[in-house]
Amino acid sequence: MLDALAALSKALLYAGLLTSAGAAFAAATLRAPDALNAGTTRAIRRGAILTIAAVVTGGLVLIYRLGGAFDDATLSAVFVSSSGASMGLQLAGAALLLAATADPTPTHGTKVTNAALMTLSFAFTGHAGAMSVTDGLIASLHVSAAAWWVGYLWCLWWACTQTSTAELAQLVRRFGTLATGLVGGLVIAGLVLVLVLVKLEQLPALSAYEILLALKICAALSAVAIAAYNRVRLTPRLLAGDTGTAMMLRRTITAELVVIGVVIAVTAVLTTYTSPHE
């Protein structure tokens, strides 16, 4: 039961963190019309609230998984540790982002810095963080790129109904330009982490960790395939002024977000129930 609650809290944490930090990253690179500002702010606020709730819940679940005693030894194991550092960065970043949404004149630089605190937390926790500082930083960059991708998808999803076809076409074109490098970096960082965590000499025999990792990779590649379809098939139609393409794009973005949700769920199970060190 506690393991299931831990996996659920992680899934909610990943969803909230990717949404809030990603919306902040996307807004800084979007050059979006004013019509999207409210949607971006709403994504940051909701994601930050979800992140805070998930971190608090995850901390309590971890205490109970260690025996449930709120004594010095247990609290130190939870909070005076790499897990505690990670939770502290996540809470600080989320709280600062939440405060920024109430500020009428926050700068993109401030929001990006706050969001970076949240993604930096993955340098101190998780399987890669346990290996070395370098591997932890690679994991942090991997999460940052994934967050930007998710945040930009939410912005495009709203833009499909809140902007003109011409404005949407420009947003999609900019997304395609930036995504080439960032999603490429996401894939490269992911491959590096796979090489670090998976013992290739033991293949084709697969552990539970490797099976779930393979499932996660397949889901992630499916999301990339949908993004490629959007760029190759739908973007040219938008640039040509086809007004009916916006709703098609919104549907494919919805599918892409659902697939990313599957990636998040598998990652939560992967990091809760299995380990590459088994």
Foldseek 3Di string as FASTA:
>chain_A
DLLVQLLVLQLLLLVLLLQQLQLLLQVVQQPAPPLLPVVSLVSNQVSLVSNLVSLVSNLQSQLVVVPVDPDPVSVCVCQVALNNQLSVLSNQLSVQSNVQSVDPDDDSVSNNVSSLSNLLSQCSDFQQVVPDSVSSVLSSLLSSLSSNVLSLLSSLLVCLPRDALQSSLVSLVSCVVVCVPSVVSNVVSVVVNCVVLADVVPPPDDDPLRVLVVVLVVLVVVLVVLSVCCVPPLSVCSNVPPSVSSVVSSVSSVVSVVSVSVSSSSVSSSRSPHGSVD
